Amino acid sequence: MTQYLISVIEPTGYDIPEPEALERIMKDVQAVDADMREAGVWVFAGGLHAPESATTLRPGENGEVVVTDGPFSESKEHIGGFNIIDVPDLDAALEWGRRMSVACTLPVEVRPFQDFPG
């Protein structure tokens, strides 16, 4: 089994859908999460606050760390939420990613975690 990160990609400045549409989206996303749990592939999931809430820490000289408000980079898109799943192969991960993209009505990125010995 390999763990994969399914990242939900939001455009920067994303307008939250109207309440009726948002309720449908949340219901669909919760249904996919429930199916992941039932299938035994769900590891963890979460939604993130807007990038403006981020704090970036960068290593400086002599062990100091520079702390700045905001995301590490300015971009047109950002990660709005994620799922971590544990599935047998990429095809299975892509199928869960497809379902999540349809449910949340946004693009998703599917990426495997690296395996480290030990």
PDB file of N, CA and C in Angstrom:
ATOM      1  N   MET A   1       0.848  -1.181   0.000  1.00  0.00           N
ATOM      2  CA  MET A   1       0.000   0.000   0.000  1.00  0.00           C
ATOM      3  C   MET A   1       0.889   1.238   0.000  1.00  0.00           C
ATOM      4  N   THR A   2       0.435   2.249  -0.668  1.00  0.00           N
ATOM      5  CA  THR A   2       1.142   3.518  -0.751  1.00  0.00           C
ATOM      6  C   THR A   2       0.194   4.630  -0.327  1.00  0.00           C
ATOM      7  N   GLN A   3       0.725   5.582   0.404  1.00  0.00           N
ATOM      8  CA  GLN A   3      -0.091   6.722   0.789  1.00  0.00           C
ATOM      9  C   GLN A   3       0.017   7.811  -0.277  1.00  0.00           C
ATOM     10  N   TYR A   4      -1.108   8.428  -0.564  1.00  0.00           N
ATOM     11  CA  TYR A   4      -1.192   9.504  -1.546  1.00  0.00           C
ATOM     12  C   TYR A   4      -1.849  10.724  -0.897  1.00  0.00           C
ATOM     13  N   LEU A   5      -1.397  11.877  -1.339  1.00  0.00           N
ATOM     14  CA  LEU A   5      -2.003  13.143  -0.944  1.00  0.00           C
ATOM     15  C   LEU A   5      -2.913  13.592  -2.076  1.00  0.00           C
ATOM     16  N   ILE A   6      -4.166  13.814  -1.781  1.00  0.00           N
ATOM     17  CA  ILE A   6      -5.102  14.395  -2.746  1.00  0.00           C
ATOM     18  C   ILE A   6      -5.310  15.839  -2.308  1.00  0.00           C
ATOM     19  N   SER A   7      -4.734  16.770  -3.065  1.00  0.00           N
ATOM     20  CA  SER A   7      -4.832  18.195  -2.729  1.00  0.00           C
ATOM     21  C   SER A   7      -5.956  18.833  -3.533  1.00  0.00           C
ATOM     22  N   VAL A   8      -6.810  19.558  -2.851  1.00  0.00           N
ATOM     23  CA  VAL A   8      -7.872  20.308  -3.522  1.00  0.00           C
ATOM     24  C   VAL A   8      -7.310  21.686  -3.860  1.00  0.00           C
ATOM     25  N   ILE A   9      -7.343  22.043  -5.148  1.00  0.00           N
ATOM     26  CA  ILE A   9      -6.741  23.284  -5.622  1.00  0.00           C
ATOM     27  C   ILE A   9      -7.824  24.354  -5.777  1.00  0.00           C
ATOM     28  N   GLU A  10      -7.656  25.451  -5.043  1.00  0.00           N
ATOM     29  CA  GLU A  10      -8.600  26.579  -5.129  1.00  0.00           C
ATOM     30  C   GLU A  10      -7.921  27.756  -5.813  1.00  0.00           C
ATOM     31  N   PRO A  11      -8.642  28.484  -6.649  1.00  0.00           N
ATOM     32  CA  PRO A  11      -8.087  29.723  -7.176  1.00  0.00           C
ATOM     33  C   PRO A  11      -7.964  30.745  -6.045  1.00  0.00           C
ATOM     34  N   THR A  12      -6.899  31.533  -6.044  1.00  0.00           N
ATOM     35  CA  THR A  12      -6.742  32.573  -5.036  1.00  0.00           C
ATOM     36  C   THR A  12      -7.891  33.573  -5.184  1.00  0.00           C
ATOM     37  N   GLY A  13      -8.502  33.955  -4.078  1.00  0.00           N
ATOM     38  CA  GLY A  13      -9.665  34.833  -4.112  1.00  0.00           C
ATOM     39  C   GLY A  13     -10.952  34.075  -4.387  1.00  0.00           C
ATOM     40  N   TYR A  14     -10.899  32.755  -4.190  1.00  0.00           N
ATOM     41  CA  TYR A  14     -12.054  31.878  -4.445  1.00  0.00           C
ATOM     42  C   TYR A  14     -13.280  32.389  -3.705  1.00  0.00           C
ATOM     43  N   ASP A  15     -14.346  32.571  -4.433  1.00  0.00           N
ATOM     44  CA  ASP A  15     -15.607  32.970  -3.824  1.00  0.00           C
ATOM     45  C   ASP A  15     -16.334  31.733  -3.325  1.00  0.00           C
ATOM     46  N   ILE A  16     -16.649  31.714  -2.059  1.00  0.00           N
ATOM     47  CA  ILE A  16     -17.399  30.589  -1.504  1.00  0.00           C
ATOM     48  C   ILE A  16     -18.750  30.531  -2.209  1.00  0.00           C
ATOM     49  N   PRO A  17     -19.141  29.334  -2.660  1.00  0.00           N
ATOM     50  CA  PRO A  17     -20.427  29.208  -3.365  1.00  0.00           C
ATOM     51  C   PRO A  17     -21.603  29.664  -2.500  1.00  0.00           C
ATOM     52  N   GLU A  18     -22.677  29.970  -3.165  1.00  0.00           N
ATOM     53  CA  GLU A  18     -23.912  30.340  -2.466  1.00  0.00           C
ATOM     54  C   GLU A  18     -24.305  29.200  -1.519  1.00  0.00           C
ATOM     55  N   PRO A  19     -25.033  29.522  -0.440  1.00  0.00           N
ATOM     56  CA  PRO A  19     -25.334  28.503   0.586  1.00  0.00           C
ATOM     57  C   PRO A  19     -25.921  27.199   0.041  1.00  0.00           C
ATOM     58  N   GLU A  20     -26.841  27.301  -0.883  1.00  0.00           N
ATOM     59  CA  GLU A  20     -27.468  26.076  -1.409  1.00  0.00           C
ATOM     60  C   GLU A  20     -26.445  25.214  -2.137  1.00  0.00           C
ATOM     61  N   ALA A  21     -25.611  25.838  -2.969  1.00  0.00           N
ATOM     62  CA  ALA A  21     -24.584  25.095  -3.708  1.00  0.00           C
ATOM     63  C   ALA A  21     -23.528  24.560  -2.743  1.00  0.00           C
ATOM     64  N   LEU A  22     -23.145  25.370  -1.745  1.00  0.00           N
ATOM     65  CA  LEU A  22     -22.139  24.932  -0.774  1.00  0.00           C
ATOM     66  C   LEU A  22     -22.643  23.731   0.022  1.00  0.00           C
ATOM     67  N   GLU A  23     -23.915  23.748   0.387  1.00  0.00           N
ATOM     68  CA  GLU A  23     -24.485  22.624   1.139  1.00  0.00           C
ATOM     69  C   GLU A  23     -24.399  21.336   0.318  1.00  0.00           C
ATOM     70  N   ARG A  24     -24.698  21.422  -0.971  1.00  0.00           N
ATOM     71  CA  ARG A  24     -24.622  20.244  -1.846  1.00  0.00           C
ATOM     72  C   ARG A  24     -23.171  19.760  -1.955  1.00  0.00           C
ATOM     73  N   ILE A  25     -22.238  20.706  -2.137  1.00  0.00           N
ATOM     74  CA  ILE A  25     -20.824  20.343  -2.254  1.00  0.00           C
ATOM     75  C   ILE A  25     -20.348  19.646  -0.976  1.00  0.00           C
ATOM     76  N   MET A  26     -20.674  20.228   0.177  1.00  0.00           N
ATOM     77  CA  MET A  26     -20.228  19.635   1.449  1.00  0.00           C
ATOM     78  C   MET A  26     -20.821  18.238   1.639  1.00  0.00           C
ATOM     79  N   LYS A  27     -22.081  18.078   1.254  1.00  0.00           N
ATOM     80  CA  LYS A  27     -22.715  16.763   1.365  1.00  0.00           C
ATOM     81  C   LYS A  27     -22.003  15.760   0.463  1.00  0.00           C
ATOM     82  N   ASP A  28     -21.655  16.173  -0.762  1.00  0.00           N
ATOM     83  CA  ASP A  28     -20.957  15.283  -1.699  1.00  0.00           C
ATOM     84  C   ASP A  28     -19.552  14.937  -1.203  1.00  0.00           C
ATOM     85  N   VAL A  29     -18.839  15.932  -0.663  1.00  0.00           N
ATOM     86  CA  VAL A  29     -17.489  15.684  -0.137  1.00  0.00           C
ATOM     87  C   VAL A  29     -17.553  14.737   1.063  1.00  0.00           C
ATOM     88  N   GLN A  30     -18.514  14.962   1.943  1.00  0.00           N
ATOM     89  CA  GLN A  30     -18.658  14.078   3.105  1.00  0.00           C
ATOM     90  C   GLN A  30     -18.997  12.655   2.680  1.00  0.00           C
ATOM     91  N   ALA A  31     -19.749  12.512   1.585  1.00  0.00           N
ATOM     92  CA  ALA A  31     -20.075  11.171   1.084  1.00  0.00           C
ATOM     93  C   ALA A  31     -18.817  10.464   0.575  1.00  0.00           C
ATOM     94  N   VAL A  32     -17.944  11.193  -0.125  1.00  0.00           N
ATOM     95  CA  VAL A  32     -16.687  10.585  -0.598  1.00  0.00           C
ATOM     96  C   VAL A  32     -15.818  10.220   0.605  1.00  0.00           C
ATOM     97  N   ASP A  33     -15.712  11.109   1.590  1.00  0.00           N
ATOM     98  CA  ASP A  33     -14.944  10.793   2.800  1.00  0.00           C
ATOM     99  C   ASP A  33     -15.494   9.537   3.478  1.00  0.00           C
ATOM    100  N   ALA A  34     -16.817   9.435   3.571  1.00  0.00           N
ATOM    101  CA  ALA A  34     -17.437   8.258   4.207  1.00  0.00           C
ATOM    102  C   ALA A  34     -17.116   6.996   3.416  1.00  0.00           C
ATOM    103  N   ASP A  35     -17.143   7.098   2.086  1.00  0.00           N
ATOM    104  CA  ASP A  35     -16.805   5.935   1.249  1.00  0.00           C
ATOM    105  C   ASP A  35     -15.339   5.549   1.432  1.00  0.00           C
ATOM    106  N   MET A  36     -14.448   6.558   1.581  1.00  0.00           N
ATOM    107  CA  MET A  36     -13.032   6.261   1.828  1.00  0.00           C
ATOM    108  C   MET A  36     -12.873   5.507   3.139  1.00  0.00           C
ATOM    109  N   ARG A  37     -13.575   5.960   4.166  1.00  0.00           N
ATOM    110  CA  ARG A  37     -13.483   5.283   5.472  1.00  0.00           C
ATOM    111  C   ARG A  37     -14.013   3.850   5.373  1.00  0.00           C
ATOM    112  N   GLU A  38     -15.146   3.704   4.699  1.00  0.00           N
ATOM    113  CA  GLU A  38     -15.739   2.374   4.569  1.00  0.00           C
ATOM    114  C   GLU A  38     -14.826   1.435   3.778  1.00  0.00           C
ATOM    115  N   ALA A  39     -14.120   1.980   2.792  1.00  0.00           N
ATOM    116  CA  ALA A  39     -13.197   1.172   1.980  1.00  0.00           C
ATOM    117  C   ALA A  39     -11.881   0.902   2.704  1.00  0.00           C
ATOM    118  N   GLY A  40     -11.665   1.567   3.838  1.00  0.00           N
ATOM    119  CA  GLY A  40     -10.445   1.355   4.608  1.00  0.00           C
ATOM    120  C   GLY A  40      -9.224   2.043   4.030  1.00  0.00           C
ATOM    121  N   VAL A  41      -9.406   3.076   3.191  1.00  0.00           N
ATOM    122  CA  VAL A  41      -8.273   3.777   2.582  1.00  0.00           C
ATOM    123  C   VAL A  41      -8.037   5.149   3.209  1.00  0.00           C
ATOM    124  N   TRP A  42      -8.996   5.664   3.977  1.00  0.00           N
ATOM    125  CA  TRP A  42      -8.912   7.006   4.560  1.00  0.00           C
ATOM    126  C   TRP A  42      -7.858   7.031   5.658  1.00  0.00           C
ATOM    127  N   VAL A  43      -6.935   7.992   5.615  1.00  0.00           N
ATOM    128  CA  VAL A  43      -5.931   8.170   6.663  1.00  0.00           C
ATOM    129  C   VAL A  43      -6.194   9.460   7.426  1.00  0.00           C
ATOM    130  N   PHE A  44      -6.394  10.558   6.683  1.00  0.00           N
ATOM    131  CA  PHE A  44      -6.588  11.859   7.311  1.00  0.00           C
ATOM    132  C   PHE A  44      -7.123  12.817   6.263  1.00  0.00           C
ATOM    133  N   ALA A  45      -7.869  13.833   6.681  1.00  0.00           N
ATOM    134  CA  ALA A  45      -8.357  14.864   5.766  1.00  0.00           C
ATOM    135  C   ALA A  45      -8.518  16.166   6.530  1.00  0.00           C
ATOM    136  N   GLY A  46      -8.463  17.262   5.813  1.00  0.00           N
ATOM    137  CA  GLY A  46      -8.673  18.545   6.450  1.00  0.00           C
ATOM    138  C   GLY A  46      -8.827  19.663   5.437  1.00  0.00           C
ATOM    139  N   GLY A  47      -9.502  20.703   5.856  1.00  0.00           N
ATOM    140  CA  GLY A  47      -9.619  21.915   5.057  1.00  0.00           C
ATOM    141  C   GLY A  47      -8.712  22.978   5.644  1.00  0.00           C
ATOM    142  N   LEU A  48      -8.199  23.841   4.794  1.00  0.00           N
ATOM    143  CA  LEU A  48      -7.271  24.879   5.238  1.00  0.00           C
ATOM    144  C   LEU A  48      -7.916  26.258   5.152  1.00  0.00           C
ATOM    145  N   HIS A  49      -7.493  27.157   6.046  1.00  0.00           N
ATOM    146  CA  HIS A  49      -7.908  28.553   5.944  1.00  0.00           C
ATOM    147  C   HIS A  49      -7.227  29.175   4.725  1.00  0.00           C
ATOM    148  N   ALA A  50      -7.651  30.361   4.363  1.00  0.00           N
ATOM    149  CA  ALA A  50      -7.097  31.063   3.202  1.00  0.00           C
ATOM    150  C   ALA A  50      -5.592  31.293   3.367  1.00  0.00           C
ATOM    151  N   PRO A  51      -4.858  31.434   2.252  1.00  0.00           N
ATOM    152  CA  PRO A  51      -3.404  31.609   2.329  1.00  0.00           C
ATOM    153  C   PRO A  51      -2.983  32.813   3.163  1.00  0.00           C
ATOM    154  N   GLU A  52      -3.827  33.824   3.264  1.00  0.00           N
ATOM    155  CA  GLU A  52      -3.475  35.006   4.059  1.00  0.00           C
ATOM    156  C   GLU A  52      -3.256  34.659   5.523  1.00  0.00           C
ATOM    157  N   SER A  53      -3.776  33.530   5.967  1.00  0.00           N
ATOM    158  CA  SER A  53      -3.627  33.131   7.366  1.00  0.00           C
ATOM    159  C   SER A  53      -2.304  32.408   7.623  1.00  0.00           C
ATOM    160  N   ALA A  54      -1.546  32.142   6.546  1.00  0.00           N
ATOM    161  CA  ALA A  54      -0.299  31.380   6.685  1.00  0.00           C
ATOM    162  C   ALA A  54       0.820  32.235   7.274  1.00  0.00           C
ATOM    163  N   THR A  55       1.770  31.577   7.887  1.00  0.00           N
ATOM    164  CA  THR A  55       3.012  32.183   8.342  1.00  0.00           C
ATOM    165  C   THR A  55       4.146  31.344   7.766  1.00  0.00           C
ATOM    166  N   THR A  56       5.112  32.014   7.155  1.00  0.00           N
ATOM    167  CA  THR A  56       6.227  31.313   6.524  1.00  0.00           C
ATOM    168  C   THR A  56       7.494  31.507   7.341  1.00  0.00           C
ATOM    169  N   LEU A  57       8.212  30.434   7.563  1.00  0.00           N
ATOM    170  CA  LEU A  57       9.479  30.460   8.294  1.00  0.00           C
ATOM    171  C   LEU A  57      10.583  29.986   7.350  1.00  0.00           C
ATOM    172  N   ARG A  58      11.629  30.779   7.213  1.00  0.00           N
ATOM    173  CA  ARG A  58      12.743  30.439   6.324  1.00  0.00           C
ATOM    174  C   ARG A  58      14.037  30.435   7.131  1.00  0.00           C
ATOM    175  N   PRO A  59      14.873  29.400   6.884  1.00  0.00           N
ATOM    176  CA  PRO A  59      16.145  29.373   7.601  1.00  0.00           C
ATOM    177  C   PRO A  59      17.028  30.515   7.136  1.00  0.00           C
ATOM    178  N   GLY A  60      17.609  31.204   8.101  1.00  0.00           N
ATOM    179  CA  GLY A  60      18.533  32.291   7.785  1.00  0.00           C
ATOM    180  C   GLY A  60      19.943  31.879   8.147  1.00  0.00           C
ATOM    181  N   GLU A  61      20.772  32.859   8.406  1.00  0.00           N
ATOM    182  CA  GLU A  61      22.159  32.571   8.756  1.00  0.00           C
ATOM    183  C   GLU A  61      22.297  32.369  10.261  1.00  0.00           C
ATOM    184  N   ASN A  62      23.307  31.603  10.645  1.00  0.00           N
ATOM    185  CA  ASN A  62      23.633  31.367  12.051  1.00  0.00           C
ATOM    186  C   ASN A  62      22.470  30.752  12.829  1.00  0.00           C
ATOM    187  N   GLY A  63      21.682  29.928  12.171  1.00  0.00           N
ATOM    188  CA  GLY A  63      20.592  29.244  12.852  1.00  0.00           C
ATOM    189  C   GLY A  63      19.363  30.082  13.099  1.00  0.00           C
ATOM    190  N   GLU A  64      19.376  31.324  12.634  1.00  0.00           N
ATOM    191  CA  GLU A  64      18.197  32.158  12.816  1.00  0.00           C
ATOM    192  C   GLU A  64      17.133  31.769  11.793  1.00  0.00           C
ATOM    193  N   VAL A  65      15.912  32.091  12.102  1.00  0.00           N
ATOM    194  CA  VAL A  65      14.790  31.811  11.211  1.00  0.00           C
ATOM    195  C   VAL A  65      14.049  33.117  10.974  1.00  0.00           C
ATOM    196  N   VAL A  66      13.792  33.407   9.687  1.00  0.00           N
ATOM    197  CA  VAL A  66      13.044  34.603   9.315  1.00  0.00           C
ATOM    198  C   VAL A  66      11.568  34.228   9.224  1.00  0.00           C
ATOM    199  N   VAL A  67      10.734  34.956   9.941  1.00  0.00           N
ATOM    200  CA  VAL A  67       9.301  34.687   9.994  1.00  0.00           C
ATOM    201  C   VAL A  67       8.575  35.812   9.282  1.00  0.00           C
ATOM    202  N   THR A  68       7.720  35.446   8.298  1.00  0.00           N
ATOM    203  CA  THR A  68       6.939  36.459   7.587  1.00  0.00           C
ATOM    204  C   THR A  68       5.480  36.030   7.541  1.00  0.00           C
ATOM    205  N   ASP A  69       4.597  36.997   7.543  1.00  0.00           N
ATOM    206  CA  ASP A  69       3.173  36.703   7.401  1.00  0.00           C
ATOM    207  C   ASP A  69       2.880  36.350   5.955  1.00  0.00           C
ATOM    208  N   GLY A  70       1.976  35.420   5.759  1.00  0.00           N
ATOM    209  CA  GLY A  70       1.540  35.076   4.416  1.00  0.00           C
ATOM    210  C   GLY A  70       2.144  33.780   3.907  1.00  0.00           C
ATOM    211  N   PRO A  71       1.674  33.367   2.731  1.00  0.00           N
ATOM    212  CA  PRO A  71       2.131  32.096   2.159  1.00  0.00           C
ATOM    213  C   PRO A  71       3.568  32.190   1.664  1.00  0.00           C
ATOM    214  N   PHE A  72       4.190  31.022   1.393  1.00  0.00           N
ATOM    215  CA  PHE A  72       5.588  30.999   0.953  1.00  0.00           C
ATOM    216  C   PHE A  72       5.751  31.557  -0.441  1.00  0.00           C
ATOM    217  N   SER A  73       4.690  31.581  -1.229  1.00  0.00           N
ATOM    218  CA  SER A  73       4.776  32.159  -2.574  1.00  0.00           C
ATOM    219  C   SER A  73       3.432  32.750  -2.958  1.00  0.00           C
ATOM    220  N   GLU A  74       3.489  33.720  -3.823  1.00  0.00           N
ATOM    221  CA  GLU A  74       2.266  34.294  -4.367  1.00  0.00           C
ATOM    222  C   GLU A  74       1.898  33.469  -5.589  1.00  0.00           C
ATOM    223  N   SER A  75       0.654  33.073  -5.695  1.00  0.00           N
ATOM    224  CA  SER A  75       0.250  32.272  -6.848  1.00  0.00           C
ATOM    225  C   SER A  75      -1.231  32.485  -7.137  1.00  0.00           C
ATOM    226  N   LYS A  76      -1.623  32.018  -8.304  1.00  0.00           N
ATOM    227  CA  LYS A  76      -3.017  32.140  -8.707  1.00  0.00           C
ATOM    228  C   LYS A  76      -3.884  31.060  -8.078  1.00  0.00           C
ATOM    229  N   GLU A  77      -3.229  30.008  -7.566  1.00  0.00           N
ATOM    230  CA  GLU A  77      -3.956  28.906  -6.952  1.00  0.00           C
ATOM    231  C   GLU A  77      -3.238  28.487  -5.667  1.00  0.00           C
ATOM    232  N   HIS A  78      -3.955  27.828  -4.781  1.00  0.00           N
ATOM    233  CA  HIS A  78      -3.382  27.342  -3.543  1.00  0.00           C
ATOM    234  C   HIS A  78      -4.117  26.078  -3.105  1.00  0.00           C
ATOM    235  N   ILE A  79      -3.551  25.390  -2.130  1.00  0.00           N
ATOM    236  CA  ILE A  79      -4.188  24.187  -1.597  1.00  0.00           C
ATOM    237  C   ILE A  79      -5.259  24.624  -0.599  1.00  0.00           C
ATOM    238  N   GLY A  80      -6.489  24.206  -0.854  1.00  0.00           N
ATOM    239  CA  GLY A  80      -7.595  24.579   0.017  1.00  0.00           C
ATOM    240  C   GLY A  80      -7.962  23.503   1.021  1.00  0.00           C
ATOM    241  N   GLY A  81      -7.553  22.283   0.733  1.00  0.00           N
ATOM    242  CA  GLY A  81      -7.843  21.162   1.614  1.00  0.00           C
ATOM    243  C   GLY A  81      -7.168  19.921   1.061  1.00  0.00           C
ATOM    244  N   PHE A  82      -7.255  18.842   1.800  1.00  0.00           N
ATOM    245  CA  PHE A  82      -6.550  17.640   1.355  1.00  0.00           C
ATOM    246  C   PHE A  82      -7.128  16.390   1.996  1.00  0.00           C
ATOM    247  N   ASN A  83      -6.826  15.274   1.374  1.00  0.00           N
ATOM    248  CA  ASN A  83      -7.077  13.943   1.917  1.00  0.00           C
ATOM    249  C   ASN A  83      -5.771  13.165   1.821  1.00  0.00           C
ATOM    250  N   ILE A  84      -5.500  12.344   2.778  1.00  0.00           N
ATOM    251  CA  ILE A  84      -4.420  11.374   2.680  1.00  0.00           C
ATOM    252  C   ILE A  84      -5.082  10.001   2.672  1.00  0.00           C
ATOM    253  N   ILE A  85      -4.743   9.227   1.651  1.00  0.00           N
ATOM    254  CA  ILE A  85      -5.327   7.894   1.525  1.00  0.00           C
ATOM    255  C   ILE A  85      -4.204   6.872   1.418  1.00  0.00           C
ATOM    256  N   ASP A  86      -4.536   5.632   1.698  1.00  0.00           N
ATOM    257  CA  ASP A  86      -3.580   4.521   1.618  1.00  0.00           C
ATOM    258  C   ASP A  86      -4.208   3.474   0.708  1.00  0.00           C
ATOM    259  N   VAL A  87      -3.688   3.375  -0.505  1.00  0.00           N
ATOM    260  CA  VAL A  87      -4.289   2.517  -1.531  1.00  0.00           C
ATOM    261  C   VAL A  87      -3.207   1.664  -2.198  1.00  0.00           C
ATOM    262  N   PRO A  88      -3.613   0.622  -2.927  1.00  0.00           N
ATOM    263  CA  PRO A  88      -2.628  -0.290  -3.518  1.00  0.00           C
ATOM    264  C   PRO A  88      -1.792   0.318  -4.638  1.00  0.00           C
ATOM    265  N   ASP A  89      -2.376   1.253  -5.421  1.00  0.00           N
ATOM    266  CA  ASP A  89      -1.625   1.759  -6.575  1.00  0.00           C
ATOM    267  C   ASP A  89      -2.171   3.113  -7.045  1.00  0.00           C
ATOM    268  N   LEU A  90      -1.484   3.674  -8.042  1.00  0.00           N
ATOM    269  CA  LEU A  90      -1.863   4.992  -8.572  1.00  0.00           C
ATOM    270  C   LEU A  90      -3.267   4.985  -9.156  1.00  0.00           C
ATOM    271  N   ASP A  91      -3.643   3.899  -9.834  1.00  0.00           N
ATOM    272  CA  ASP A  91      -4.991   3.850 -10.421  1.00  0.00           C
ATOM    273  C   ASP A  91      -6.066   4.029  -9.350  1.00  0.00           C
ATOM    274  N   ALA A  92      -5.887   3.359  -8.225  1.00  0.00           N
ATOM    275  CA  ALA A  92      -6.859   3.500  -7.136  1.00  0.00           C
ATOM    276  C   ALA A  92      -6.851   4.927  -6.594  1.00  0.00           C
ATOM    277  N   ALA A  93      -5.661   5.517  -6.453  1.00  0.00           N
ATOM    278  CA  ALA A  93      -5.565   6.898  -5.959  1.00  0.00           C
ATOM    279  C   ALA A  93      -6.248   7.863  -6.924  1.00  0.00           C
ATOM    280  N   LEU A  94      -6.035   7.633  -8.229  1.00  0.00           N
ATOM    281  CA  LEU A  94      -6.650   8.521  -9.221  1.00  0.00           C
ATOM    282  C   LEU A  94      -8.175   8.402  -9.198  1.00  0.00           C
ATOM    283  N   GLU A  95      -8.691   7.222  -8.942  1.00  0.00           N
ATOM    284  CA  GLU A  95     -10.149   7.059  -8.874  1.00  0.00           C
ATOM    285  C   GLU A  95     -10.714   7.835  -7.680  1.00  0.00           C
ATOM    286  N   TRP A  96     -10.039   7.774  -6.537  1.00  0.00           N
ATOM    287  CA  TRP A  96     -10.500   8.564  -5.385  1.00  0.00           C
ATOM    288  C   TRP A  96     -10.344  10.056  -5.678  1.00  0.00           C
ATOM    289  N   GLY A  97      -9.272  10.431  -6.360  1.00  0.00           N
ATOM    290  CA  GLY A  97      -9.081  11.831  -6.738  1.00  0.00           C
ATOM    291  C   GLY A  97     -10.165  12.305  -7.690  1.00  0.00           C
ATOM    292  N   ARG A  98     -10.530  11.443  -8.635  1.00  0.00           N
ATOM    293  CA  ARG A  98     -11.608  11.801  -9.572  1.00  0.00           C
ATOM    294  C   ARG A  98     -12.902  12.049  -8.804  1.00  0.00           C
ATOM    295  N   ARG A  99     -13.215  11.151  -7.883  1.00  0.00           N
ATOM    296  CA  ARG A  99     -14.451  11.309  -7.105  1.00  0.00           C
ATOM    297  C   ARG A  99     -14.417  12.584  -6.267  1.00  0.00           C
ATOM    298  N   MET A 100     -13.251  12.900  -5.681  1.00  0.00           N
ATOM    299  CA  MET A 100     -13.160  14.103  -4.859  1.00  0.00           C
ATOM    300  C   MET A 100     -13.298  15.351  -5.719  1.00  0.00           C
ATOM    301  N   SER A 101     -12.695  15.353  -6.907  1.00  0.00           N
ATOM    302  CA  SER A 101     -12.793  16.515  -7.791  1.00  0.00           C
ATOM    303  C   SER A 101     -14.247  16.779  -8.181  1.00  0.00           C
ATOM    304  N   VAL A 102     -14.972  15.721  -8.516  1.00  0.00           N
ATOM    305  CA  VAL A 102     -16.389  15.876  -8.873  1.00  0.00           C
ATOM    306  C   VAL A 102     -17.176  16.392  -7.673  1.00  0.00           C
ATOM    307  N   ALA A 103     -16.902  15.835  -6.490  1.00  0.00           N
ATOM    308  CA  ALA A 103     -17.655  16.222  -5.289  1.00  0.00           C
ATOM    309  C   ALA A 103     -17.412  17.673  -4.899  1.00  0.00           C
ATOM    310  N   CYS A 104     -16.156  18.107  -4.939  1.00  0.00           N
ATOM    311  CA  CYS A 104     -15.850  19.473  -4.474  1.00  0.00           C
ATOM    312  C   CYS A 104     -15.911  20.498  -5.601  1.00  0.00           C
ATOM    313  N   THR A 105     -16.092  20.035  -6.821  1.00  0.00           N
ATOM    314  CA  THR A 105     -16.208  20.883  -8.025  1.00  0.00           C
ATOM    315  C   THR A 105     -14.958  21.718  -8.272  1.00  0.00           C
ATOM    316  N   LEU A 106     -13.802  21.219  -7.846  1.00  0.00           N
ATOM    317  CA  LEU A 106     -12.527  21.918  -8.026  1.00  0.00           C
ATOM    318  C   LEU A 106     -11.486  20.911  -8.524  1.00  0.00           C
ATOM    319  N   PRO A 107     -10.402  21.402  -9.124  1.00  0.00           N
ATOM    320  CA  PRO A 107      -9.329  20.484  -9.504  1.00  0.00           C
ATOM    321  C   PRO A 107      -8.675  19.889  -8.262  1.00  0.00           C
ATOM    322  N   VAL A 108      -8.123  18.704  -8.421  1.00  0.00           N
ATOM    323  CA  VAL A 108      -7.334  18.096  -7.351  1.00  0.00           C
ATOM    324  C   VAL A 108      -6.014  17.617  -7.947  1.00  0.00           C
ATOM    325  N   GLU A 109      -5.010  17.509  -7.094  1.00  0.00           N
ATOM    326  CA  GLU A 109      -3.718  16.939  -7.478  1.00  0.00           C
ATOM    327  C   GLU A 109      -3.513  15.686  -6.641  1.00  0.00           C
ATOM    328  N   VAL A 110      -3.099  14.606  -7.291  1.00  0.00           N
ATOM    329  CA  VAL A 110      -2.824  13.342  -6.603  1.00  0.00           C
ATOM    330  C   VAL A 110      -1.321  13.108  -6.649  1.00  0.00           C
ATOM    331  N   ARG A 111      -0.703  12.929  -5.467  1.00  0.00           N
ATOM    332  CA  ARG A 111       0.753  12.765  -5.416  1.00  0.00           C
ATOM    333  C   ARG A 111       1.123  11.732  -4.343  1.00  0.00           C
ATOM    334  N   PRO A 112       1.989  10.763  -4.707  1.00  0.00           N
ATOM    335  CA  PRO A 112       2.378   9.753  -3.714  1.00  0.00           C
ATOM    336  C   PRO A 112       3.375  10.307  -2.705  1.00  0.00           C
ATOM    337  N   PHE A 113       3.313   9.763  -1.500  1.00  0.00           N
ATOM    338  CA  PHE A 113       4.347  10.047  -0.507  1.00  0.00           C
ATOM    339  C   PHE A 113       5.568   9.199  -0.827  1.00  0.00           C
ATOM    340  N   GLN A 114       6.738   9.702  -0.501  1.00  0.00           N
ATOM    341  CA  GLN A 114       7.961   8.935  -0.677  1.00  0.00           C
ATOM    342  C   GLN A 114       8.043   7.863   0.407  1.00  0.00           C
ATOM    343  N   ASP A 115       8.610   6.729   0.023  1.00  0.00           N
ATOM    344  CA  ASP A 115       8.873   5.670   0.999  1.00  0.00           C
ATOM    345  C   ASP A 115      10.300   5.834   1.490  1.00  0.00           C
ATOM    346  N   PHE A 116      10.462   5.867   2.792  1.00  0.00           N
ATOM    347  CA  PHE A 116      11.797   5.941   3.371  1.00  0.00           C
ATOM    348  C   PHE A 116      12.106   4.632   4.078  1.00  0.00           C
ATOM    349  N   PRO A 117      13.308   4.102   3.866  1.00  0.00           N
ATOM    350  CA  PRO A 117      13.650   2.866   4.565  1.00  0.00           C
ATOM    351  C   PRO A 117      13.726   3.099   6.074  1.00  0.00           C
ATOM    352  N   GLY A 118      13.433   2.054   6.798  1.00  0.00           N
ATOM    353  CA  GLY A 118      13.561   2.164   8.249  1.00  0.00           C
ATOM    354  C   GLY A 118      12.293   2.043   8.892  1.00  0.00           C
TER     355      GLY A 118
END
